[in-house]
Amino acid sequence: GQRKLLKRAGYQVTTCGTLAALSSLSAEPSIDLLLSDVGLDGATIEDVCQAHQTLSQLEGVPLVLYSGRERPALETLVASLRDQGYAVAGFICKSDSRQDVLAYVAKLLGPD
C-alpha cells in the first residue's frame, strides 16, 4: 500500500491503526504529514479530523485522506469536512498512480 510506497521513496513512516494509537503519537521524530484512511478502525473521519486539530504533536501537519472511494466522492467528503471547519489538505485515491502519490506528497512537504 501507501506505507510501502512512501518508505521505498525514502520517507520515514509510522502507522496508527486506531484513533488511540494516533492520539499517543510522540512528537519525536517530528511528523511531517498525516495520511489517514477514511475508514480508520473504530473512528469516524470527523474523529480523526478532531484529533488532527487538537493534538499538539500534529500542529501544522497537513492532513491527507486516503480511500478506495472514487475521486468525486472524496472531493465531496473533503469539501464537507472543510465546511465543518476541519483543515484537510486533500486526498489520495487508492486508484492514483504511484507517481501521482509521490508527486502529491512531495508538493505538500515542499523542498527539504
C-alpha atoms as a PDB file:
ATOM      1  CA  GLY A   1       0.000   0.000   0.000  1.00  0.00           C
ATOM      2  CA  GLN A   2       0.903   3.624   0.515  1.00  0.00           C
ATOM      3  CA  ARG A   3       3.136   2.862   3.517  1.00  0.00           C
ATOM      4  CA  LYS A   4       5.472   0.688   1.449  1.00  0.00           C
ATOM      5  CA  LEU A   5       5.470   3.170  -1.413  1.00  0.00           C
ATOM      6  CA  LEU A   6       6.436   6.059   0.850  1.00  0.00           C
ATOM      7  CA  LYS A   7       9.109   4.023   2.657  1.00  0.00           C
ATOM      8  CA  ARG A   8      10.665   2.992  -0.652  1.00  0.00           C
ATOM      9  CA  ALA A   9      10.751   6.663  -1.635  1.00  0.00           C
ATOM     10  CA  GLY A  10      12.800   7.406   1.489  1.00  0.00           C
ATOM     11  CA  TYR A  11      10.119   8.720   3.819  1.00  0.00           C
ATOM     12  CA  GLN A  12      10.041   7.636   7.453  1.00  0.00           C
ATOM     13  CA  VAL A  13       6.599   6.121   8.041  1.00  0.00           C
ATOM     14  CA  THR A  14       4.817   5.369  11.307  1.00  0.00           C
ATOM     15  CA  THR A  15       1.454   3.644  11.162  1.00  0.00           C
ATOM     16  CA  CYS A  16      -1.504   4.008  13.504  1.00  0.00           C
ATOM     17  CA  GLY A  17      -4.324   1.534  13.107  1.00  0.00           C
ATOM     18  CA  THR A  18      -6.633   3.188  15.629  1.00  0.00           C
ATOM     19  CA  LEU A  19      -7.544   6.628  16.926  1.00  0.00           C
ATOM     20  CA  ALA A  20      -5.947   5.728  20.269  1.00  0.00           C
ATOM     21  CA  ALA A  21      -2.663   4.955  18.509  1.00  0.00           C
ATOM     22  CA  LEU A  22      -2.871   8.275  16.667  1.00  0.00           C
ATOM     23  CA  SER A  23      -3.508  10.109  19.930  1.00  0.00           C
ATOM     24  CA  SER A  24      -0.476   8.508  21.548  1.00  0.00           C
ATOM     25  CA  LEU A  25       1.969   9.515  18.797  1.00  0.00           C
ATOM     26  CA  SER A  26       5.059  11.231  20.060  1.00  0.00           C
ATOM     27  CA  ALA A  27       6.198  14.499  18.541  1.00  0.00           C
ATOM     28  CA  GLU A  28       9.676  12.989  18.138  1.00  0.00           C
ATOM     29  CA  PRO A  29      10.638  12.292  15.497  1.00  0.00           C
ATOM     30  CA  SER A  30       8.756  15.202  14.021  1.00  0.00           C
ATOM     31  CA  ILE A  31       5.661  14.418  11.998  1.00  0.00           C
ATOM     32  CA  ASP A  32       5.532  15.969   8.533  1.00  0.00           C
ATOM     33  CA  LEU A  33       2.313  14.516   7.124  1.00  0.00           C
ATOM     34  CA  LEU A  34      -0.763  12.721   8.459  1.00  0.00           C
ATOM     35  CA  LEU A  35      -2.168  10.325   5.865  1.00  0.00           C
ATOM     36  CA  SER A  36      -5.360   8.842   7.243  1.00  0.00           C
ATOM     37  CA  ASP A  37      -7.527   6.110   5.849  1.00  0.00           C
ATOM     38  CA  VAL A  38     -11.108   7.342   5.725  1.00  0.00           C
ATOM     39  CA  GLY A  39     -12.092   4.033   7.311  1.00  0.00           C
ATOM     40  CA  LEU A  40      -9.752   4.135  10.337  1.00  0.00           C
ATOM     41  CA  ASP A  41     -10.769   1.286  12.598  1.00  0.00           C
ATOM     42  CA  GLY A  42     -13.172   2.344  15.350  1.00  0.00           C
ATOM     43  CA  ALA A  43     -13.285   6.034  14.413  1.00  0.00           C
ATOM     44  CA  THR A  44     -15.161   8.346  12.109  1.00  0.00           C
ATOM     45  CA  ILE A  45     -13.247  10.635   9.804  1.00  0.00           C
ATOM     46  CA  GLU A  46     -14.557  13.507  11.915  1.00  0.00           C
ATOM     47  CA  ASP A  47     -12.852  11.895  14.954  1.00  0.00           C
ATOM     48  CA  VAL A  48      -9.582  11.850  13.008  1.00  0.00           C
ATOM     49  CA  CYS A  49     -10.052  15.486  11.944  1.00  0.00           C
ATOM     50  CA  GLN A  50     -10.772  16.496  15.540  1.00  0.00           C
ATOM     51  CA  ALA A  51      -7.629  14.713  16.771  1.00  0.00           C
ATOM     52  CA  HIS A  52      -5.650  16.388  13.983  1.00  0.00           C
ATOM     53  CA  GLN A  53      -6.776  19.798  15.200  1.00  0.00           C
ATOM     54  CA  THR A  54      -6.333  19.210  18.926  1.00  0.00           C
ATOM     55  CA  LEU A  55      -3.165  17.114  19.285  1.00  0.00           C
ATOM     56  CA  SER A  56      -0.171  19.386  19.794  1.00  0.00           C
ATOM     57  CA  GLN A  57       2.174  16.972  18.004  1.00  0.00           C
ATOM     58  CA  LEU A  58       0.055  17.393  14.844  1.00  0.00           C
ATOM     59  CA  GLU A  59       0.015  21.187  14.875  1.00  0.00           C
ATOM     60  CA  GLY A  60       0.812  22.470  11.392  1.00  0.00           C
ATOM     61  CA  VAL A  61       0.924  18.934   9.950  1.00  0.00           C
ATOM     62  CA  PRO A  62      -1.060  18.551   6.708  1.00  0.00           C
ATOM     63  CA  LEU A  63      -3.917  16.026   6.902  1.00  0.00           C
ATOM     64  CA  VAL A  64      -4.453  13.974   3.760  1.00  0.00           C
ATOM     65  CA  LEU A  65      -7.254  11.445   3.461  1.00  0.00           C
ATOM     66  CA  TYR A  66      -6.781   8.103   1.747  1.00  0.00           C
ATOM     67  CA  SER A  67      -9.581   5.919   0.423  1.00  0.00           C
ATOM     68  CA  GLY A  68     -10.645   3.432  -2.170  1.00  0.00           C
ATOM     69  CA  ARG A  69     -13.603   5.695  -2.923  1.00  0.00           C
ATOM     70  CA  GLU A  70     -13.812   7.344  -6.302  1.00  0.00           C
ATOM     71  CA  ARG A  71     -12.379  10.850  -6.747  1.00  0.00           C
ATOM     72  CA  PRO A  72     -15.774  12.674  -6.872  1.00  0.00           C
ATOM     73  CA  ALA A  73     -16.832  11.079  -3.569  1.00  0.00           C
ATOM     74  CA  LEU A  74     -13.573  12.151  -1.916  1.00  0.00           C
ATOM     75  CA  GLU A  75     -13.858  15.663  -3.315  1.00  0.00           C
ATOM     76  CA  THR A  76     -17.325  15.903  -1.748  1.00  0.00           C
ATOM     77  CA  LEU A  77     -16.080  14.483   1.570  1.00  0.00           C
ATOM     78  CA  VAL A  78     -13.136  16.894   1.756  1.00  0.00           C
ATOM     79  CA  ALA A  79     -15.387  19.864   0.894  1.00  0.00           C
ATOM     80  CA  SER A  80     -17.846  18.813   3.614  1.00  0.00           C
ATOM     81  CA  LEU A  81     -15.085  18.452   6.211  1.00  0.00           C
ATOM     82  CA  ARG A  82     -13.661  21.853   5.264  1.00  0.00           C
ATOM     83  CA  ASP A  83     -17.168  23.352   5.590  1.00  0.00           C
ATOM     84  CA  GLN A  84     -17.225  21.941   9.142  1.00  0.00           C
ATOM     85  CA  GLY A  85     -14.019  23.832   9.870  1.00  0.00           C
ATOM     86  CA  TYR A  86     -11.532  20.985   9.564  1.00  0.00           C
ATOM     87  CA  ALA A  87      -8.168  21.676   7.926  1.00  0.00           C
ATOM     88  CA  VAL A  88      -7.933  18.887   5.378  1.00  0.00           C
ATOM     89  CA  ALA A  89      -5.106  19.408   2.879  1.00  0.00           C
ATOM     90  CA  GLY A  90      -6.544  16.981   0.330  1.00  0.00           C
ATOM     91  CA  PHE A  91      -6.823  13.318  -0.536  1.00  0.00           C
ATOM     92  CA  ILE A  92      -5.216  10.386  -2.261  1.00  0.00           C
ATOM     93  CA  CYS A  93      -7.314   7.766  -4.036  1.00  0.00           C
ATOM     94  CA  LYS A  94      -6.358   4.117  -3.953  1.00  0.00           C
ATOM     95  CA  SER A  95      -6.522   4.217  -7.752  1.00  0.00           C
ATOM     96  CA  ASP A  96      -3.947   7.060  -8.011  1.00  0.00           C
ATOM     97  CA  SER A  97      -0.695   6.034  -9.670  1.00  0.00           C
ATOM     98  CA  ARG A  98       2.447   5.665  -7.570  1.00  0.00           C
ATOM     99  CA  GLN A  99       3.977   8.571  -9.452  1.00  0.00           C
ATOM    100  CA  ASP A 100       0.955  10.780  -8.693  1.00  0.00           C
ATOM    101  CA  VAL A 101       1.004   9.865  -4.985  1.00  0.00           C
ATOM    102  CA  LEU A 102       4.714  10.628  -4.636  1.00  0.00           C
ATOM    103  CA  ALA A 103       4.364  13.887  -6.570  1.00  0.00           C
ATOM    104  CA  TYR A 104       1.442  14.961  -4.362  1.00  0.00           C
ATOM    105  CA  VAL A 105       3.298  14.163  -1.143  1.00  0.00           C
ATOM    106  CA  ALA A 106       6.424  15.956  -2.368  1.00  0.00           C
ATOM    107  CA  LYS A 107       4.319  19.002  -3.280  1.00  0.00           C
ATOM    108  CA  LEU A 108       2.739  19.101   0.192  1.00  0.00           C
ATOM    109  CA  LEU A 109       6.032  18.714   2.013  1.00  0.00           C
ATOM    110  CA  GLY A 110       7.933  21.148  -0.186  1.00  0.00           C
ATOM    111  CA  PRO A 111      11.698  21.227  -0.561  1.00  0.00           C
ATOM    112  CA  ASP A 112      13.776  19.681   2.221  1.00  0.00           C
END
